[in-house]
Amino acid sequence: MLTAGHAAINLALMVASLFAISLLRYRLLNTD
């Protein structure tokens, strides 16, 4: 049974991981 708390935590983790991946990709592509 999925509670609202678990859904919010999963959403926050997904957003954080996507942000981290995009940030790492941005840094790797723009190394000067």
PDB file of N, CA and C in Angstrom:
ATOM      1  N   MET A   1       0.846  -1.199   0.000  1.00  0.00           N
ATOM      2  CA  MET A   1       0.000   0.000   0.000  1.00  0.00           C
ATOM      3  C   MET A   1       0.885   1.254   0.000  1.00  0.00           C
ATOM      4  N   LEU A   2       0.742   2.043  -1.033  1.00  0.00           N
ATOM      5  CA  LEU A   2       1.593   3.213  -1.202  1.00  0.00           C
ATOM      6  C   LEU A   2       0.937   4.436  -0.576  1.00  0.00           C
ATOM      7  N   THR A   3       1.613   4.987   0.418  1.00  0.00           N
ATOM      8  CA  THR A   3       1.072   6.166   1.083  1.00  0.00           C
ATOM      9  C   THR A   3       1.555   7.428   0.386  1.00  0.00           C
ATOM     10  N   ALA A   4       0.962   8.563   0.740  1.00  0.00           N
ATOM     11  CA  ALA A   4       1.352   9.836   0.130  1.00  0.00           C
ATOM     12  C   ALA A   4       2.803  10.166   0.476  1.00  0.00           C
ATOM     13  N   GLY A   5       3.230   9.798   1.673  1.00  0.00           N
ATOM     14  CA  GLY A   5       4.603  10.060   2.099  1.00  0.00           C
ATOM     15  C   GLY A   5       5.611   9.323   1.231  1.00  0.00           C
ATOM     16  N   HIS A   6       5.315   8.042   0.986  1.00  0.00           N
ATOM     17  CA  HIS A   6       6.211   7.262   0.143  1.00  0.00           C
ATOM     18  C   HIS A   6       6.235   7.802  -1.283  1.00  0.00           C
ATOM     19  N   ALA A   7       5.102   8.217  -1.786  1.00  0.00           N
ATOM     20  CA  ALA A   7       5.034   8.763  -3.144  1.00  0.00           C
ATOM     21  C   ALA A   7       5.844  10.057  -3.233  1.00  0.00           C
ATOM     22  N   ALA A   8       5.737  10.896  -2.202  1.00  0.00           N
ATOM     23  CA  ALA A   8       6.469  12.162  -2.199  1.00  0.00           C
ATOM     24  C   ALA A   8       7.974  11.907  -2.135  1.00  0.00           C
ATOM     25  N   ILE A   9       8.378  10.922  -1.327  1.00  0.00           N
ATOM     26  CA  ILE A   9       9.797  10.591  -1.207  1.00  0.00           C
ATOM     27  C   ILE A   9      10.336  10.040  -2.527  1.00  0.00           C
ATOM     28  N   ASN A  10       9.558   9.156  -3.156  1.00  0.00           N
ATOM     29  CA  ASN A  10       9.984   8.596  -4.438  1.00  0.00           C
ATOM     30  C   ASN A  10      10.097   9.675  -5.497  1.00  0.00           C
ATOM     31  N   LEU A  11       9.159  10.605  -5.506  1.00  0.00           N
ATOM     32  CA  LEU A  11       9.183  11.691  -6.482  1.00  0.00           C
ATOM     33  C   LEU A  11      10.395  12.583  -6.249  1.00  0.00           C
ATOM     34  N   ALA A  12      10.667  12.897  -4.982  1.00  0.00           N
ATOM     35  CA  ALA A  12      11.814  13.749  -4.651  1.00  0.00           C
ATOM     36  C   ALA A  12      13.127  13.066  -5.054  1.00  0.00           C
ATOM     37  N   LEU A  13      13.226  11.765  -4.808  1.00  0.00           N
ATOM     38  CA  LEU A  13      14.440  11.037  -5.182  1.00  0.00           C
ATOM     39  C   LEU A  13      14.621  10.999  -6.691  1.00  0.00           C
ATOM     40  N   MET A  14      13.512  10.810  -7.422  1.00  0.00           N
ATOM     41  CA  MET A  14      13.589  10.766  -8.873  1.00  0.00           C
ATOM     42  C   MET A  14      14.019  12.117  -9.433  1.00  0.00           C
ATOM     43  N   VAL A  15      13.445  13.193  -8.917  1.00  0.00           N
ATOM     44  CA  VAL A  15      13.805  14.536  -9.376  1.00  0.00           C
ATOM     45  C   VAL A  15      15.268  14.835  -9.035  1.00  0.00           C
ATOM     46  N   ALA A  16      15.688  14.459  -7.832  1.00  0.00           N
ATOM     47  CA  ALA A  16      17.066  14.712  -7.415  1.00  0.00           C
ATOM     48  C   ALA A  16      18.058  13.943  -8.284  1.00  0.00           C
ATOM     49  N   SER A  17      17.741  12.697  -8.613  1.00  0.00           N
ATOM     50  CA  SER A  17      18.642  11.898  -9.441  1.00  0.00           C
ATOM     51  C   SER A  17      18.702  12.436 -10.868  1.00  0.00           C
ATOM     52  N   LEU A  18      17.554  12.870 -11.392  1.00  0.00           N
ATOM     53  CA  LEU A  18      17.543  13.452 -12.737  1.00  0.00           C
ATOM     54  C   LEU A  18      18.344  14.744 -12.771  1.00  0.00           C
ATOM     55  N   PHE A  19      18.210  15.554 -11.723  1.00  0.00           N
ATOM     56  CA  PHE A  19      18.957  16.804 -11.642  1.00  0.00           C
ATOM     57  C   PHE A  19      20.455  16.535 -11.547  1.00  0.00           C
ATOM     58  N   ALA A  20      20.825  15.538 -10.742  1.00  0.00           N
ATOM     59  CA  ALA A  20      22.235  15.201 -10.582  1.00  0.00           C
ATOM     60  C   ALA A  20      22.831  14.695 -11.892  1.00  0.00           C
ATOM     61  N   ILE A  21      22.075  13.871 -12.611  1.00  0.00           N
ATOM     62  CA  ILE A  21      22.546  13.332 -13.885  1.00  0.00           C
ATOM     63  C   ILE A  21      22.728  14.445 -14.907  1.00  0.00           C
ATOM     64  N   SER A  22      21.761  15.344 -14.982  1.00  0.00           N
ATOM     65  CA  SER A  22      21.858  16.436 -15.948  1.00  0.00           C
ATOM     66  C   SER A  22      23.004  17.379 -15.592  1.00  0.00           C
ATOM     67  N   LEU A  23      23.209  17.604 -14.288  1.00  0.00           N
ATOM     68  CA  LEU A  23      24.300  18.470 -13.858  1.00  0.00           C
ATOM     69  C   LEU A  23      25.655  17.843 -14.182  1.00  0.00           C
ATOM     70  N   LEU A  24      25.786  16.538 -13.933  1.00  0.00           N
ATOM     71  CA  LEU A  24      27.033  15.846 -14.257  1.00  0.00           C
ATOM     72  C   LEU A  24      27.289  15.868 -15.753  1.00  0.00           C
ATOM     73  N   ARG A  25      26.228  15.654 -16.540  1.00  0.00           N
ATOM     74  CA  ARG A  25      26.364  15.648 -17.987  1.00  0.00           C
ATOM     75  C   ARG A  25      26.780  17.028 -18.485  1.00  0.00           C
ATOM     76  N   TYR A  26      26.198  18.072 -17.889  1.00  0.00           N
ATOM     77  CA  TYR A  26      26.536  19.447 -18.270  1.00  0.00           C
ATOM     78  C   TYR A  26      28.000  19.749 -17.966  1.00  0.00           C
ATOM     79  N   ARG A  27      28.461  19.300 -16.792  1.00  0.00           N
ATOM     80  CA  ARG A  27      29.850  19.545 -16.427  1.00  0.00           C
ATOM     81  C   ARG A  27      30.808  18.763 -17.310  1.00  0.00           C
ATOM     82  N   LEU A  28      30.436  17.534 -17.671  1.00  0.00           N
ATOM     83  CA  LEU A  28      31.308  16.717 -18.515  1.00  0.00           C
ATOM     84  C   LEU A  28      31.388  17.271 -19.932  1.00  0.00           C
ATOM     85  N   LEU A  29      30.276  17.823 -20.422  1.00  0.00           N
ATOM     86  CA  LEU A  29      30.275  18.348 -21.791  1.00  0.00           C
ATOM     87  C   LEU A  29      30.973  19.694 -21.880  1.00  0.00           C
ATOM     88  N   ASN A  30      31.003  20.438 -20.776  1.00  0.00           N
ATOM     89  CA  ASN A  30      31.571  21.785 -20.815  1.00  0.00           C
ATOM     90  C   ASN A  30      32.863  21.887 -20.012  1.00  0.00           C
ATOM     91  N   THR A  31      33.763  20.938 -20.239  1.00  0.00           N
ATOM     92  CA  THR A  31      35.055  20.989 -19.546  1.00  0.00           C
ATOM     93  C   THR A  31      36.030  21.805 -20.371  1.00  0.00           C
ATOM     94  N   ASP A  32      36.453  22.918 -19.812  1.00  0.00           N
ATOM     95  CA  ASP A  32      37.404  23.797 -20.510  1.00  0.00           C
ATOM     96  C   ASP A  32      38.654  23.995 -19.664  1.00  0.00           C
TER      97      ASP A  32
END
